[in-house]
PDB file of all heavy atoms in Angstrom:
ATOM      1  N   TYR A   1      -3.492   7.588  -4.933  1.00  0.00           N
ATOM      2  CA  TYR A   1      -3.548   6.156  -5.242  1.00  0.00           C
ATOM      3  C   TYR A   1      -3.774   5.915  -6.726  1.00  0.00           C
ATOM      4  O   TYR A   1      -4.502   6.689  -7.380  1.00  0.00           O
ATOM      5  CB  TYR A   1      -4.672   5.486  -4.478  1.00  0.00           C
ATOM      6  CG  TYR A   1      -4.509   5.579  -2.969  1.00  0.00           C
ATOM      7  CD1 TYR A   1      -5.104   6.615  -2.258  1.00  0.00           C
ATOM      8  CD2 TYR A   1      -3.785   4.599  -2.262  1.00  0.00           C
ATOM      9  CE1 TYR A   1      -4.933   6.726  -0.880  1.00  0.00           C
ATOM     10  CE2 TYR A   1      -3.623   4.713  -0.883  1.00  0.00           C
ATOM     11  CZ  TYR A   1      -4.207   5.759  -0.207  1.00  0.00           C
ATOM     12  OH  TYR A   1      -4.068   5.856   1.150  1.00  0.00           O
ATOM     13  N   ALA A   2      -3.203   4.845  -7.232  1.00  0.00           N
ATOM     14  CA  ALA A   2      -3.560   4.373  -8.551  1.00  0.00           C
ATOM     15  C   ALA A   2      -5.034   3.931  -8.489  1.00  0.00           C
ATOM     16  O   ALA A   2      -5.525   3.492  -7.449  1.00  0.00           O
ATOM     17  CB  ALA A   2      -2.683   3.221  -8.985  1.00  0.00           C
ATOM     18  N   ASP A   3      -5.726   4.062  -9.582  1.00  0.00           N
ATOM     19  CA  ASP A   3      -7.159   3.785  -9.616  1.00  0.00           C
ATOM     20  C   ASP A   3      -7.495   2.402  -9.097  1.00  0.00           C
ATOM     21  O   ASP A   3      -8.476   2.209  -8.357  1.00  0.00           O
ATOM     22  CB  ASP A   3      -7.720   3.991 -11.038  1.00  0.00           C
ATOM     23  CG  ASP A   3      -7.766   5.455 -11.429  1.00  0.00           C
ATOM     24  OD1 ASP A   3      -7.730   6.315 -10.523  1.00  0.00           O
ATOM     25  OD2 ASP A   3      -7.914   5.717 -12.622  1.00  0.00           O
ATOM     26  N   SER A   4      -6.703   1.437  -9.477  1.00  0.00           N
ATOM     27  CA  SER A   4      -7.012   0.052  -9.105  1.00  0.00           C
ATOM     28  C   SER A   4      -6.789  -0.259  -7.632  1.00  0.00           C
ATOM     29  O   SER A   4      -7.196  -1.295  -7.128  1.00  0.00           O
ATOM     30  CB  SER A   4      -6.222  -0.928  -9.981  1.00  0.00           C
ATOM     31  OG  SER A   4      -4.816  -0.725  -9.787  1.00  0.00           O
ATOM     32  N   MET A   5      -6.127   0.690  -6.915  1.00  0.00           N
ATOM     33  CA  MET A   5      -5.862   0.484  -5.497  1.00  0.00           C
ATOM     34  C   MET A   5      -6.797   1.292  -4.600  1.00  0.00           C
ATOM     35  O   MET A   5      -6.842   1.034  -3.394  1.00  0.00           O
ATOM     36  CB  MET A   5      -4.417   0.902  -5.166  1.00  0.00           C
ATOM     37  CG  MET A   5      -3.349  -0.059  -5.637  1.00  0.00           C
ATOM     38  SD  MET A   5      -3.181  -0.010  -7.454  1.00  0.00           S
ATOM     39  CE  MET A   5      -1.677  -0.939  -7.722  1.00  0.00           C
ATOM     40  N   LYS A   6      -7.507   2.212  -5.140  1.00  0.00           N
ATOM     41  CA  LYS A   6      -8.368   3.054  -4.335  1.00  0.00           C
ATOM     42  C   LYS A   6      -9.432   2.209  -3.617  1.00  0.00           C
ATOM     43  O   LYS A   6     -10.063   1.354  -4.210  1.00  0.00           O
ATOM     44  CB  LYS A   6      -9.068   4.095  -5.231  1.00  0.00           C
ATOM     45  CG  LYS A   6      -8.128   5.173  -5.723  1.00  0.00           C
ATOM     46  CD  LYS A   6      -8.847   6.168  -6.625  1.00  0.00           C
ATOM     47  CE  LYS A   6      -7.905   7.238  -7.134  1.00  0.00           C
ATOM     48  NZ  LYS A   6      -8.559   8.205  -8.059  1.00  0.00           N
ATOM     49  N   GLY A   7      -9.569   2.482  -2.352  1.00  0.00           N
ATOM     50  CA  GLY A   7     -10.508   1.738  -1.541  1.00  0.00           C
ATOM     51  C   GLY A   7      -9.991   0.447  -0.975  1.00  0.00           C
ATOM     52  O   GLY A   7     -10.598  -0.148  -0.088  1.00  0.00           O
ATOM     53  N   ARG A   8      -8.848  -0.030  -1.474  1.00  0.00           N
ATOM     54  CA  ARG A   8      -8.263  -1.273  -0.976  1.00  0.00           C
ATOM     55  C   ARG A   8      -6.964  -1.040  -0.243  1.00  0.00           C
ATOM     56  O   ARG A   8      -6.657  -1.750   0.719  1.00  0.00           O
ATOM     57  CB  ARG A   8      -8.001  -2.241  -2.129  1.00  0.00           C
ATOM     58  CG  ARG A   8      -9.246  -2.639  -2.926  1.00  0.00           C
ATOM     59  CD  ARG A   8      -8.964  -3.805  -3.861  1.00  0.00           C
ATOM     60  NE  ARG A   8      -7.916  -3.470  -4.835  1.00  0.00           N
ATOM     61  CZ  ARG A   8      -6.813  -4.198  -5.036  1.00  0.00           C
ATOM     62  NH1 ARG A   8      -6.586  -5.299  -4.306  1.00  0.00           N
ATOM     63  NH2 ARG A   8      -5.957  -3.851  -5.972  1.00  0.00           N
ATOM     64  N   PHE A   9      -6.174  -0.079  -0.697  1.00  0.00           N
ATOM     65  CA  PHE A   9      -4.860   0.196  -0.138  1.00  0.00           C
ATOM     66  C   PHE A   9      -4.880   1.521   0.628  1.00  0.00           C
ATOM     67  O   PHE A   9      -5.570   2.473   0.224  1.00  0.00           O
ATOM     68  CB  PHE A   9      -3.805   0.273  -1.216  1.00  0.00           C
ATOM     69  CG  PHE A   9      -3.477  -1.034  -1.904  1.00  0.00           C
ATOM     70  CD1 PHE A   9      -4.239  -2.163  -1.704  1.00  0.00           C
ATOM     71  CD2 PHE A   9      -2.388  -1.120  -2.776  1.00  0.00           C
ATOM     72  CE1 PHE A   9      -3.922  -3.366  -2.350  1.00  0.00           C
ATOM     73  CE2 PHE A   9      -2.066  -2.318  -3.414  1.00  0.00           C
ATOM     74  CZ  PHE A   9      -2.856  -3.429  -3.196  1.00  0.00           C
ATOM     75  N   THR A  10      -4.078   1.598   1.697  1.00  0.00           N
ATOM     76  CA  THR A  10      -3.943   2.864   2.445  1.00  0.00           C
ATOM     77  C   THR A  10      -2.476   3.084   2.770  1.00  0.00           C
ATOM     78  O   THR A  10      -1.801   2.209   3.319  1.00  0.00           O
ATOM     79  CB  THR A  10      -4.738   2.762   3.752  1.00  0.00           C
ATOM     80  OG1 THR A  10      -6.110   2.485   3.490  1.00  0.00           O
ATOM     81  CG2 THR A  10      -4.627   4.101   4.526  1.00  0.00           C
ATOM     82  N   ILE A  11      -1.987   4.276   2.398  1.00  0.00           N
ATOM     83  CA  ILE A  11      -0.633   4.636   2.684  1.00  0.00           C
ATOM     84  C   ILE A  11      -0.632   5.565   3.884  1.00  0.00           C
ATOM     85  O   ILE A  11      -1.543   6.406   4.056  1.00  0.00           O
ATOM     86  CB  ILE A  11       0.048   5.312   1.486  1.00  0.00           C
ATOM     87  CG1 ILE A  11       1.526   5.557   1.721  1.00  0.00           C
ATOM     88  CG2 ILE A  11      -0.646   6.604   1.097  1.00  0.00           C
ATOM     89  CD1 ILE A  11       2.305   6.010   0.475  1.00  0.00           C
ATOM     90  N   SER A  12       0.363   5.390   4.748  1.00  0.00           N
ATOM     91  CA  SER A  12       0.504   6.265   5.912  1.00  0.00           C
ATOM     92  C   SER A  12       1.979   6.354   6.251  1.00  0.00           C
ATOM     93  O   SER A  12       2.822   5.650   5.718  1.00  0.00           O
ATOM     94  CB  SER A  12      -0.285   5.689   7.118  1.00  0.00           C
ATOM     95  OG  SER A  12       0.196   4.402   7.466  1.00  0.00           O
ATOM     96  N   ARG A  13       2.307   7.300   7.156  1.00  0.00           N
ATOM     97  CA  ARG A  13       3.680   7.483   7.539  1.00  0.00           C
ATOM     98  C   ARG A  13       3.795   7.851   8.981  1.00  0.00           C
ATOM     99  O   ARG A  13       2.851   8.407   9.592  1.00  0.00           O
ATOM    100  CB  ARG A  13       4.375   8.544   6.647  1.00  0.00           C
ATOM    101  CG  ARG A  13       3.821   9.960   6.837  1.00  0.00           C
ATOM    102  CD  ARG A  13       4.378  10.892   5.765  1.00  0.00           C
ATOM    103  NE  ARG A  13       5.810  11.117   5.900  1.00  0.00           N
ATOM    104  CZ  ARG A  13       6.554  11.633   4.934  1.00  0.00           C
ATOM    105  NH1 ARG A  13       6.034  12.009   3.766  1.00  0.00           N
ATOM    106  NH2 ARG A  13       7.844  11.825   5.132  1.00  0.00           N
ATOM    107  N   ASP A  14       4.922   7.544   9.559  1.00  0.00           N
ATOM    108  CA  ASP A  14       5.236   7.922  10.944  1.00  0.00           C
ATOM    109  C   ASP A  14       6.649   8.451  10.925  1.00  0.00           C
ATOM    110  O   ASP A  14       7.623   7.660  10.977  1.00  0.00           O
ATOM    111  CB  ASP A  14       5.074   6.703  11.852  1.00  0.00           C
ATOM    112  CG  ASP A  14       5.309   7.042  13.322  1.00  0.00           C
ATOM    113  OD1 ASP A  14       5.868   8.102  13.603  1.00  0.00           O
ATOM    114  OD2 ASP A  14       4.919   6.226  14.180  1.00  0.00           O
ATOM    115  N   ASP A  15       6.813   9.744  10.859  1.00  0.00           N
ATOM    116  CA  ASP A  15       8.141  10.319  10.741  1.00  0.00           C
ATOM    117  C   ASP A  15       8.966  10.101  11.975  1.00  0.00           C
ATOM    118  O   ASP A  15      10.205  10.060  11.910  1.00  0.00           O
ATOM    119  CB  ASP A  15       8.026  11.805  10.390  1.00  0.00           C
ATOM    120  CG  ASP A  15       7.561  12.044   8.964  1.00  0.00           C
ATOM    121  OD1 ASP A  15       7.674  11.120   8.128  1.00  0.00           O
ATOM    122  OD2 ASP A  15       7.096  13.161   8.646  1.00  0.00           O
ATOM    123  N   ALA A  16       8.335   9.986  13.117  1.00  0.00           N
ATOM    124  CA  ALA A  16       9.060   9.738  14.356  1.00  0.00           C
ATOM    125  C   ALA A  16       9.800   8.399  14.277  1.00  0.00           C
ATOM    126  O   ALA A  16      10.821   8.222  14.901  1.00  0.00           O
ATOM    127  CB  ALA A  16       8.130   9.764  15.559  1.00  0.00           C
ATOM    128  N   LYS A  17       9.248   7.490  13.509  1.00  0.00           N
ATOM    129  CA  LYS A  17       9.847   6.164  13.329  1.00  0.00           C
ATOM    130  C   LYS A  17      10.541   6.043  12.007  1.00  0.00           C
ATOM    131  O   LYS A  17      11.050   4.986  11.655  1.00  0.00           O
ATOM    132  CB  LYS A  17       8.781   5.063  13.471  1.00  0.00           C
ATOM    133  CG  LYS A  17       8.147   4.998  14.817  1.00  0.00           C
ATOM    134  CD  LYS A  17       7.115   3.867  14.897  1.00  0.00           C
ATOM    135  CE  LYS A  17       6.491   3.820  16.270  1.00  0.00           C
ATOM    136  NZ  LYS A  17       5.499   2.704  16.391  1.00  0.00           N
ATOM    137  N   SER A  18      10.570   7.106  11.241  1.00  0.00           N
ATOM    138  CA  SER A  18      11.167   7.085   9.902  1.00  0.00           C
ATOM    139  C   SER A  18      10.548   5.954   9.076  1.00  0.00           C
ATOM    140  O   SER A  18      11.271   5.188   8.396  1.00  0.00           O
ATOM    141  CB  SER A  18      12.682   6.934   9.967  1.00  0.00           C
ATOM    142  OG  SER A  18      13.273   8.082  10.558  1.00  0.00           O
ATOM    143  N   ALA A  19       9.243   5.852   9.116  1.00  0.00           N
ATOM    144  CA  ALA A  19       8.590   4.734   8.481  1.00  0.00           C
ATOM    145  C   ALA A  19       7.409   5.173   7.608  1.00  0.00           C
ATOM    146  O   ALA A  19       6.755   6.177   7.918  1.00  0.00           O
ATOM    147  CB  ALA A  19       8.103   3.734   9.510  1.00  0.00           C
ATOM    148  N   VAL A  20       7.164   4.442   6.579  1.00  0.00           N
ATOM    149  CA  VAL A  20       5.968   4.604   5.762  1.00  0.00           C
ATOM    150  C   VAL A  20       5.364   3.211   5.579  1.00  0.00           C
ATOM    151  O   VAL A  20       6.089   2.209   5.527  1.00  0.00           O
ATOM    152  CB  VAL A  20       6.320   5.289   4.408  1.00  0.00           C
ATOM    153  CG1 VAL A  20       7.256   4.455   3.574  1.00  0.00           C
ATOM    154  CG2 VAL A  20       5.047   5.601   3.661  1.00  0.00           C
ATOM    155  N   TYR A  21       4.056   3.154   5.551  1.00  0.00           N
ATOM    156  CA  TYR A  21       3.357   1.899   5.520  1.00  0.00           C
ATOM    157  C   TYR A  21       2.372   1.838   4.343  1.00  0.00           C
ATOM    158  O   TYR A  21       1.915   2.852   3.831  1.00  0.00           O
ATOM    159  CB  TYR A  21       2.577   1.711   6.811  1.00  0.00           C
ATOM    160  CG  TYR A  21       3.381   1.892   8.050  1.00  0.00           C
ATOM    161  CD1 TYR A  21       3.333   3.086   8.789  1.00  0.00           C
ATOM    162  CD2 TYR A  21       4.230   0.867   8.517  1.00  0.00           C
ATOM    163  CE1 TYR A  21       4.091   3.244   9.923  1.00  0.00           C
ATOM    164  CE2 TYR A  21       4.991   1.034   9.639  1.00  0.00           C
ATOM    165  CZ  TYR A  21       4.915   2.219  10.341  1.00  0.00           C
ATOM    166  OH  TYR A  21       5.695   2.375  11.458  1.00  0.00           O
ATOM    167  N   LEU A  22       2.121   0.598   3.915  1.00  0.00           N
ATOM    168  CA  LEU A  22       1.120   0.383   2.902  1.00  0.00           C
ATOM    169  C   LEU A  22       0.207  -0.752   3.384  1.00  0.00           C
ATOM    170  O   LEU A  22       0.663  -1.911   3.415  1.00  0.00           O
ATOM    171  CB  LEU A  22       1.717   0.032   1.560  1.00  0.00           C
ATOM    172  CG  LEU A  22       0.707  -0.090   0.401  1.00  0.00           C
ATOM    173  CD1 LEU A  22       0.101   1.256   0.067  1.00  0.00           C
ATOM    174  CD2 LEU A  22       1.386  -0.686  -0.838  1.00  0.00           C
ATOM    175  N   GLN A  23      -0.978  -0.413   3.803  1.00  0.00           N
ATOM    176  CA  GLN A  23      -1.976  -1.437   4.216  1.00  0.00           C
ATOM    177  C   GLN A  23      -2.710  -1.873   2.989  1.00  0.00           C
ATOM    178  O   GLN A  23      -3.309  -1.053   2.318  1.00  0.00           O
ATOM    179  CB  GLN A  23      -2.948  -0.842   5.246  1.00  0.00           C
ATOM    180  CG  GLN A  23      -4.018  -1.811   5.671  1.00  0.00           C
ATOM    181  CD  GLN A  23      -3.494  -3.002   6.449  1.00  0.00           C
ATOM    182  OE1 GLN A  23      -2.659  -2.852   7.304  1.00  0.00           O
ATOM    183  NE2 GLN A  23      -3.995  -4.203   6.131  1.00  0.00           N
ATOM    184  N   MET A  24      -2.687  -3.174   2.705  1.00  0.00           N
ATOM    185  CA  MET A  24      -3.301  -3.708   1.506  1.00  0.00           C
ATOM    186  C   MET A  24      -4.379  -4.703   1.883  1.00  0.00           C
ATOM    187  O   MET A  24      -4.094  -5.693   2.554  1.00  0.00           O
ATOM    188  CB  MET A  24      -2.228  -4.382   0.618  1.00  0.00           C
ATOM    189  CG  MET A  24      -1.047  -3.503   0.264  1.00  0.00           C
ATOM    190  SD  MET A  24       0.051  -4.263  -0.936  1.00  0.00           S
ATOM    191  CE  MET A  24       0.656  -5.647   0.040  1.00  0.00           C
ATOM    192  N   ASN A  25      -5.611  -4.367   1.557  1.00  0.00           N
ATOM    193  CA  ASN A  25      -6.755  -5.215   1.852  1.00  0.00           C
ATOM    194  C   ASN A  25      -7.378  -5.735   0.567  1.00  0.00           C
ATOM    195  O   ASN A  25      -7.107  -5.221  -0.522  1.00  0.00           O
ATOM    196  CB  ASN A  25      -7.775  -4.451   2.652  1.00  0.00           C
ATOM    197  CG  ASN A  25      -7.260  -3.957   3.990  1.00  0.00           C
ATOM    198  OD1 ASN A  25      -6.420  -4.600   4.624  1.00  0.00           O
ATOM    199  ND2 ASN A  25      -7.764  -2.797   4.401  1.00  0.00           N
ATOM    200  N   SER A  26      -8.191  -6.763   0.698  1.00  0.00           N
ATOM    201  CA  SER A  26      -8.909  -7.339  -0.448  1.00  0.00           C
ATOM    202  C   SER A  26      -7.960  -7.626  -1.619  1.00  0.00           C
ATOM    203  O   SER A  26      -8.183  -7.274  -2.773  1.00  0.00           O
ATOM    204  CB  SER A  26     -10.019  -6.377  -0.912  1.00  0.00           C
ATOM    205  OG  SER A  26     -10.927  -6.121   0.126  1.00  0.00           O
ATOM    206  N   LEU A  27      -6.879  -8.270  -1.262  1.00  0.00           N
ATOM    207  CA  LEU A  27      -5.822  -8.524  -2.275  1.00  0.00           C
ATOM    208  C   LEU A  27      -6.314  -9.447  -3.379  1.00  0.00           C
ATOM    209  O   LEU A  27      -7.111 -10.376  -3.131  1.00  0.00           O
ATOM    210  CB  LEU A  27      -4.584  -9.086  -1.603  1.00  0.00           C
ATOM    211  CG  LEU A  27      -3.750  -8.018  -0.874  1.00  0.00           C
ATOM    212  CD1 LEU A  27      -2.795  -8.655   0.113  1.00  0.00           C
ATOM    213  CD2 LEU A  27      -2.995  -7.163  -1.877  1.00  0.00           C
ATOM    214  N   LYS A  28      -5.800  -9.212  -4.565  1.00  0.00           N
ATOM    215  CA  LYS A  28      -6.181  -9.983  -5.735  1.00  0.00           C
ATOM    216  C   LYS A  28      -4.905 -10.613  -6.320  1.00  0.00           C
ATOM    217  O   LYS A  28      -3.807 -10.093  -6.129  1.00  0.00           O
ATOM    218  CB  LYS A  28      -6.811  -9.093  -6.771  1.00  0.00           C
ATOM    219  CG  LYS A  28      -8.013  -8.291  -6.273  1.00  0.00           C
ATOM    220  CD  LYS A  28      -8.457  -7.299  -7.336  1.00  0.00           C
ATOM    221  CE  LYS A  28      -9.631  -6.466  -6.827  1.00  0.00           C
ATOM    222  NZ  LYS A  28     -10.085  -5.447  -7.841  1.00  0.00           N
ATOM    223  N   PRO A  29      -5.046 -11.711  -7.064  1.00  0.00           N
ATOM    224  CA  PRO A  29      -3.861 -12.295  -7.713  1.00  0.00           C
ATOM    225  C   PRO A  29      -3.089 -11.309  -8.575  1.00  0.00           C
ATOM    226  O   PRO A  29      -1.864 -11.384  -8.653  1.00  0.00           O
ATOM    227  CB  PRO A  29      -4.465 -13.436  -8.549  1.00  0.00           C
ATOM    228  CG  PRO A  29      -5.706 -13.824  -7.809  1.00  0.00           C
ATOM    229  CD  PRO A  29      -6.252 -12.544  -7.241  1.00  0.00           C
ATOM    230  N   GLU A  30      -3.787 -10.379  -9.159  1.00  0.00           N
ATOM    231  CA  GLU A  30      -3.089  -9.388 -10.006  1.00  0.00           C
ATOM    232  C   GLU A  30      -2.287  -8.355  -9.215  1.00  0.00           C
ATOM    233  O   GLU A  30      -1.586  -7.528  -9.753  1.00  0.00           O
ATOM    234  CB  GLU A  30      -4.088  -8.664 -10.926  1.00  0.00           C
ATOM    235  CG  GLU A  30      -5.290  -8.079 -10.221  1.00  0.00           C
ATOM    236  CD  GLU A  30      -6.487  -9.025 -10.286  1.00  0.00           C
ATOM    237  OE1 GLU A  30      -6.324 -10.256 -10.092  1.00  0.00           O
ATOM    238  OE2 GLU A  30      -7.597  -8.502 -10.505  1.00  0.00           O
ATOM    239  N   ASP A  31      -2.410  -8.391  -7.880  1.00  0.00           N
ATOM    240  CA  ASP A  31      -1.556  -7.555  -7.018  1.00  0.00           C
ATOM    241  C   ASP A  31      -0.186  -8.177  -6.814  1.00  0.00           C
ATOM    242  O   ASP A  31       0.675  -7.565  -6.173  1.00  0.00           O
ATOM    243  CB  ASP A  31      -2.229  -7.342  -5.685  1.00  0.00           C
ATOM    244  CG  ASP A  31      -3.496  -6.495  -5.782  1.00  0.00           C
ATOM    245  OD1 ASP A  31      -3.507  -5.509  -6.539  1.00  0.00           O
ATOM    246  OD2 ASP A  31      -4.495  -6.855  -5.079  1.00  0.00           O
ATOM    247  N   THR A  32      -0.007  -9.398  -7.279  1.00  0.00           N
ATOM    248  CA  THR A  32       1.298 -10.074  -7.127  1.00  0.00           C
ATOM    249  C   THR A  32       2.393  -9.258  -7.819  1.00  0.00           C
ATOM    250  O   THR A  32       2.294  -8.926  -9.012  1.00  0.00           O
ATOM    251  CB  THR A  32       1.242 -11.475  -7.737  1.00  0.00           C
ATOM    252  OG1 THR A  32       0.342 -12.252  -6.938  1.00  0.00           O
ATOM    253  CG2 THR A  32       2.600 -12.162  -7.676  1.00  0.00           C
ATOM    254  N   ALA A  33       3.421  -8.894  -7.080  1.00  0.00           N
ATOM    255  CA  ALA A  33       4.509  -8.058  -7.614  1.00  0.00           C
ATOM    256  C   ALA A  33       5.571  -7.877  -6.537  1.00  0.00           C
ATOM    257  O   ALA A  33       5.346  -8.248  -5.377  1.00  0.00           O
ATOM    258  CB  ALA A  33       3.957  -6.702  -8.049  1.00  0.00           C
ATOM    259  N   VAL A  34       6.660  -7.300  -6.951  1.00  0.00           N
ATOM    260  CA  VAL A  34       7.638  -6.792  -5.987  1.00  0.00           C
ATOM    261  C   VAL A  34       7.278  -5.352  -5.701  1.00  0.00           C
ATOM    262  O   VAL A  34       7.094  -4.547  -6.631  1.00  0.00           O
ATOM    263  CB  VAL A  34       9.067  -6.886  -6.518  1.00  0.00           C
ATOM    264  CG1 VAL A  34      10.068  -6.301  -5.510  1.00  0.00           C
ATOM    265  CG2 VAL A  34       9.453  -8.337  -6.843  1.00  0.00           C
ATOM    266  N   TYR A  35       7.139  -5.010  -4.427  1.00  0.00           N
ATOM    267  CA  TYR A  35       6.728  -3.691  -4.029  1.00  0.00           C
ATOM    268  C   TYR A  35       7.943  -2.901  -3.516  1.00  0.00           C
ATOM    269  O   TYR A  35       8.717  -3.416  -2.689  1.00  0.00           O
ATOM    270  CB  TYR A  35       5.657  -3.783  -2.935  1.00  0.00           C
ATOM    271  CG  TYR A  35       4.312  -4.144  -3.483  1.00  0.00           C
ATOM    272  CD1 TYR A  35       4.058  -5.454  -3.930  1.00  0.00           C
ATOM    273  CD2 TYR A  35       3.276  -3.225  -3.562  1.00  0.00           C
ATOM    274  CE1 TYR A  35       2.827  -5.801  -4.467  1.00  0.00           C
ATOM    275  CE2 TYR A  35       2.044  -3.555  -4.089  1.00  0.00           C
ATOM    276  CZ  TYR A  35       1.828  -4.870  -4.512  1.00  0.00           C
ATOM    277  OH  TYR A  35       0.594  -5.207  -5.055  1.00  0.00           O
ATOM    278  N   TYR A  36       8.067  -1.695  -4.019  1.00  0.00           N
ATOM    279  CA  TYR A  36       9.208  -0.829  -3.666  1.00  0.00           C
ATOM    280  C   TYR A  36       8.694   0.452  -3.030  1.00  0.00           C
ATOM    281  O   TYR A  36       7.717   1.040  -3.470  1.00  0.00           O
ATOM    282  CB  TYR A  36       9.975  -0.449  -4.906  1.00  0.00           C
ATOM    283  CG  TYR A  36      10.599  -1.589  -5.655  1.00  0.00           C
ATOM    284  CD1 TYR A  36       9.887  -2.242  -6.661  1.00  0.00           C
ATOM    285  CD2 TYR A  36      11.898  -2.024  -5.381  1.00  0.00           C
ATOM    286  CE1 TYR A  36      10.452  -3.303  -7.379  1.00  0.00           C
ATOM    287  CE2 TYR A  36      12.457  -3.060  -6.091  1.00  0.00           C
ATOM    288  CZ  TYR A  36      11.717  -3.716  -7.075  1.00  0.00           C
ATOM    289  OH  TYR A  36      12.295  -4.758  -7.773  1.00  0.00           O
ATOM    290  N   CYS A  37       9.383   0.891  -1.960  1.00  0.00           N
ATOM    291  CA  CYS A  37       9.115   2.226  -1.473  1.00  0.00           C
ATOM    292  C   CYS A  37      10.171   3.189  -2.012  1.00  0.00           C
ATOM    293  O   CYS A  37      11.276   2.762  -2.368  1.00  0.00           O
ATOM    294  CB  CYS A  37       9.019   2.288   0.043  1.00  0.00           C
ATOM    295  SG  CYS A  37      10.560   2.186   0.927  1.00  0.00           S
TER     296      CYS A  37
END
C-alpha cells in the first residue's frame, strides 16, 4: 500500500471470479480521483 492508504484501504483478489477488489474506508476528499486497476 501507499503510505497514505495504509490502514484505510484493503486490496484482495478472487481468481475464481477473475476479480480484484479495493475496499476503501475512512475516505477523505483528497482520495477523489479516477481509480485504475
